[in-house]
């Protein structure tokens, strides 16, 4: 479509956002567009959409003329990427990237072990962005907590860490101890917050989002 690097990246980001409205991603559980995406993907009948979806005007917003949707999304992207502070995007191995970056504060949100696999949940997005249909092997982060050790060891040159993680395979105290092992002199603050996907149907009330802050 274009050979200009920045414009091409913005078009790809726009396509990613539009796909999020119309493709049923595994991580879209509980999101307002999930029922429509399931219907569009043939996973449920349009006749079985919740009745409230036809009353709250959300379906009308989703089915606006294509140009209106593209214009709205484009304006949001331009405002957030171009209108604010300078932003840089990178696509490379995570460990290689964090070793070479410099900064005062680093936010880490790696895939949570034994939960939704990014490779399957976002394969449609990966294909849109890379143009490849190759299915990559599961990330080591998706399979085990242990890769966190290499990640934390690679970012010791950055003073403040903010790490978010899930409690599927590790408790808050265990995660805090793991971070403390890599930053023995740091002040560690730990938080846990309960969350439930689709609370009106979910029977699992044990999910927690864990947050660790390590500072000098």
Protein backbone atom coordinates (compact mmCIF):
# COMPACT_ATOMS: atom_id res chain seq x y z
CA UNK A 1 0.00 0.00 0.00
CA UNK A 2 2.87 2.36 0.81
CA UNK A 3 6.63 2.10 1.12
CA UNK A 4 6.90 4.99 3.59
CA UNK A 5 7.82 3.31 6.90
CA UNK A 6 5.88 5.49 9.36
CA UNK A 7 2.71 5.65 7.27
CA UNK A 8 2.83 1.89 6.70
CA UNK A 9 3.12 1.28 10.46
CA UNK A 10 0.11 3.53 11.13
CA UNK A 11 -1.96 1.71 8.51
CA UNK A 12 -1.04 -1.61 10.13
CA UNK A 13 -2.04 -0.25 13.54
CA UNK A 14 -5.37 0.91 12.10
CA UNK A 15 -5.97 -2.54 10.64
CA UNK A 16 -5.18 -4.09 14.01
CA UNK A 17 -7.75 -1.88 15.74
CA UNK A 18 -10.43 -2.65 13.17
CA UNK A 19 -9.76 -6.37 13.46
CA UNK A 20 -10.30 -6.09 17.20
CA UNK A 21 -13.92 -5.11 16.55
CA UNK A 22 -14.74 -7.87 14.10
CA UNK A 23 -12.56 -10.87 15.02
CA UNK A 24 -13.23 -13.06 18.04
CA UNK A 25 -9.91 -13.05 19.91
CA UNK A 26 -9.46 -15.34 22.87
CA UNK A 27 -8.58 -12.40 25.11
CA UNK A 28 -11.73 -10.43 24.22
CA UNK A 29 -13.76 -12.30 26.85
CA UNK A 30 -16.08 -9.86 28.54
CA UNK A 31 -15.56 -7.10 26.00
CA UNK A 32 -18.62 -5.41 24.51
CA UNK A 33 -17.84 -6.53 20.95
CA UNK A 34 -17.32 -10.19 21.83
CA UNK A 35 -20.90 -11.33 20.93
CA UNK A 36 -20.72 -9.63 17.51
CA UNK A 37 -17.29 -11.07 16.80
CA UNK A 38 -18.57 -14.55 17.65
CA UNK A 39 -21.52 -14.08 15.30
CA UNK A 40 -19.30 -12.77 12.51
CA UNK A 41 -16.93 -15.73 13.00
CA UNK A 42 -19.84 -18.17 12.87
CA UNK A 43 -19.44 -19.23 16.51
CA UNK A 44 -22.98 -18.24 17.45
CA UNK A 45 -26.22 -17.34 15.69
CA UNK A 46 -27.20 -13.71 15.29
CA UNK A 47 -30.56 -14.80 16.71
CA UNK A 48 -28.85 -15.70 19.97
CA UNK A 49 -27.24 -12.34 20.64
CA UNK A 50 -28.23 -10.89 24.03
CA UNK A 51 -31.37 -8.80 23.61
CA UNK A 52 -29.78 -5.80 25.31
CA UNK A 53 -27.31 -5.55 22.42
CA UNK A 54 -30.15 -4.42 20.18
CA UNK A 55 -31.36 -1.85 22.71
CA UNK A 56 -28.15 -0.08 23.82
CA UNK A 57 -27.27 1.03 20.27
CA UNK A 58 -23.89 -0.71 20.44
CA UNK A 59 -24.68 -2.84 17.39
CA UNK A 60 -25.56 0.30 15.43
CA UNK A 61 -22.20 1.82 16.36
CA UNK A 62 -20.39 -1.32 15.24
CA UNK A 63 -22.21 -1.42 11.90
CA UNK A 64 -21.61 2.21 10.96
CA UNK A 65 -20.54 2.89 7.36
CA UNK A 66 -16.99 1.65 6.83
CA UNK A 67 -15.59 5.11 6.23
CA UNK A 68 -16.98 6.36 9.55
CA UNK A 69 -15.31 3.49 11.41
CA UNK A 70 -11.98 4.03 9.64
CA UNK A 71 -12.06 7.79 10.23
CA UNK A 72 -12.92 7.39 13.93
CA UNK A 73 -10.16 4.86 14.52
CA UNK A 74 -7.64 6.89 12.52
CA UNK A 75 -8.31 9.99 14.60
CA UNK A 76 -7.87 8.05 17.85
CA UNK A 77 -4.57 6.56 16.65
CA UNK A 78 -3.23 9.90 15.41
CA UNK A 79 -4.14 11.59 18.68
CA UNK A 80 -2.48 8.95 20.85
CA UNK A 81 0.62 8.29 18.73
CA UNK A 82 1.33 11.63 17.09
CA UNK A 83 -0.37 14.08 19.46
CA UNK A 84 1.43 13.03 22.64
CA UNK A 85 4.99 12.32 23.68
CA UNK A 86 7.38 10.71 21.18
CA UNK A 87 6.59 7.02 20.77
CA UNK A 88 8.77 4.30 19.27
CA UNK A 89 7.61 0.83 18.26
CA UNK A 90 9.85 -2.22 18.13
CA UNK A 91 9.35 -5.82 17.05
CA UNK A 92 12.12 -8.10 18.25
CA UNK A 93 13.08 -10.65 20.85
CA UNK A 94 12.02 -9.35 24.27
CA UNK A 95 15.26 -10.19 26.07
CA UNK A 96 17.41 -8.61 23.36
CA UNK A 97 15.24 -5.50 23.45
CA UNK A 98 15.30 -4.92 27.23
CA UNK A 99 19.06 -5.37 27.41
CA UNK A 100 19.68 -2.46 25.05
CA UNK A 101 17.06 0.07 26.17
CA UNK A 102 17.69 2.84 28.67
CA UNK A 103 15.19 4.54 30.92
CA UNK A 104 14.09 5.39 34.45
CA UNK A 105 10.92 3.29 34.67
CA UNK A 106 10.16 -0.02 32.98
CA UNK A 107 6.71 -1.63 32.83
CA UNK A 108 6.73 -5.37 32.18
CA UNK A 109 3.61 -7.34 31.24
CA UNK A 110 4.85 -10.70 29.89
CA UNK A 111 2.46 -13.53 28.98
CA UNK A 112 1.12 -15.17 32.14
CA UNK A 113 2.12 -18.82 32.51
CA UNK A 114 -0.56 -21.44 31.82
CA UNK A 115 -3.21 -18.91 30.75
CA UNK A 116 -4.33 -17.74 27.29
CA UNK A 117 -1.55 -18.34 24.76
CA UNK A 118 -0.76 -15.17 22.85
CA UNK A 119 0.19 -17.22 19.79
CA UNK A 120 -3.32 -18.63 19.41
CA UNK A 121 -5.31 -15.69 20.78
CA UNK A 122 -3.65 -13.17 18.47
CA UNK A 123 -2.74 -15.29 15.45
CA UNK A 124 -5.09 -13.25 13.25
CA UNK A 125 -3.37 -10.02 14.28
CA UNK A 126 0.07 -11.57 13.74
CA UNK A 127 -0.93 -12.58 10.23
CA UNK A 128 -2.21 -9.10 9.46
CA UNK A 129 0.96 -7.44 10.73
CA UNK A 130 3.54 -9.87 9.35
CA UNK A 131 1.81 -11.18 6.25
CA UNK A 132 2.76 -14.71 7.31
CA UNK A 133 0.46 -17.63 8.13
CA UNK A 134 3.20 -19.48 9.98
CA UNK A 135 2.15 -20.53 13.49
CA UNK A 136 4.98 -19.87 15.90
CA UNK A 137 5.72 -22.29 18.75
CA UNK A 138 4.36 -21.31 22.17
CA UNK A 139 6.30 -18.63 23.99
CA UNK A 140 8.38 -19.87 26.92
CA UNK A 141 6.59 -17.26 29.04
CA UNK A 142 3.23 -18.87 28.27
CA UNK A 143 4.42 -22.23 29.56
CA UNK A 144 6.31 -21.45 32.76
CA UNK A 145 7.13 -18.76 35.32
CA UNK A 146 10.85 -19.55 35.06
CA UNK A 147 11.55 -17.30 32.01
CA UNK A 148 10.85 -14.35 34.33
CA UNK A 149 14.29 -14.93 35.84
CA UNK A 150 16.10 -14.19 32.58
CA UNK A 151 13.83 -11.21 31.93
CA UNK A 152 14.43 -9.64 35.35
CA UNK A 153 18.15 -10.29 35.15
CA UNK A 154 18.24 -8.43 31.82
CA UNK A 155 16.71 -5.21 33.17
CA UNK A 156 18.81 -4.63 36.30
CA UNK A 157 20.22 -1.46 34.73
CA UNK A 158 16.79 0.26 34.95
CA UNK A 159 16.05 1.78 38.39
CA UNK A 160 12.27 1.29 38.70
CA UNK A 161 10.32 -1.80 37.67
CA UNK A 162 6.57 -2.26 37.43
CA UNK A 163 5.61 -5.88 36.79
CA UNK A 164 2.08 -7.17 36.25
CA UNK A 165 1.34 -10.89 36.28
CA UNK A 166 -1.41 -13.43 36.93
CA UNK A 167 -1.80 -15.81 39.86
CA UNK A 168 -2.53 -18.96 37.86
CA UNK A 169 0.80 -20.58 38.76
CA UNK A 170 2.38 -18.22 41.31
CA UNK A 171 1.19 -16.37 44.41
CA UNK A 172 1.79 -12.72 45.19
CA UNK A 173 4.35 -13.57 47.88
CA UNK A 174 6.22 -15.94 45.56
CA UNK A 175 6.33 -13.34 42.80
CA UNK A 176 7.50 -10.70 45.25
CA UNK A 177 10.29 -13.00 46.48
CA UNK A 178 11.38 -13.72 42.91
CA UNK A 179 11.66 -10.01 42.13
CA UNK A 180 13.47 -9.37 45.43
CA UNK A 181 16.05 -12.03 44.53
CA UNK A 182 17.04 -9.96 41.50
CA UNK A 183 16.84 -6.63 43.34
CA UNK A 184 17.97 -7.48 46.90
CA UNK A 185 18.43 -3.84 47.90
CA UNK A 186 15.27 -2.51 46.29
CA UNK A 187 12.07 -1.52 48.02
CA UNK A 188 9.40 -3.94 46.87
CA UNK A 189 5.70 -3.11 46.99
CA UNK A 190 3.18 -5.78 46.05
CA UNK A 191 -0.54 -5.66 45.24
CA UNK A 192 -3.16 -8.24 44.28
CA UNK A 193 -6.55 -7.45 42.80
CA UNK A 194 -9.29 -9.96 42.10
CA UNK A 195 -10.96 -9.96 38.71
CA UNK A 196 -13.54 -12.12 36.96
CA UNK A 197 -14.06 -12.46 33.21
CA UNK A 198 -17.77 -12.21 32.36
CA UNK A 199 -18.92 -12.17 36.01
CA UNK A 200 -22.52 -12.97 35.03
CA UNK A 201 -21.51 -16.46 33.83
CA UNK A 202 -18.08 -17.17 35.31
CA UNK A 203 -17.79 -19.57 38.21
CA UNK A 204 -14.11 -18.89 38.80
CA UNK A 205 -13.57 -16.26 41.46
CA UNK A 206 -9.92 -17.00 42.23
CA UNK A 207 -8.27 -15.01 39.41
CA UNK A 208 -6.01 -12.21 40.61
CA UNK A 209 -3.95 -9.59 38.82
CA UNK A 210 -0.62 -9.22 40.61
CA UNK A 211 1.38 -5.99 40.55
CA UNK A 212 4.95 -5.60 41.80
CA UNK A 213 6.81 -2.26 42.05
CA UNK A 214 10.56 -2.33 42.67
CA UNK A 215 12.33 0.96 43.33
CA UNK A 216 15.70 2.03 44.76
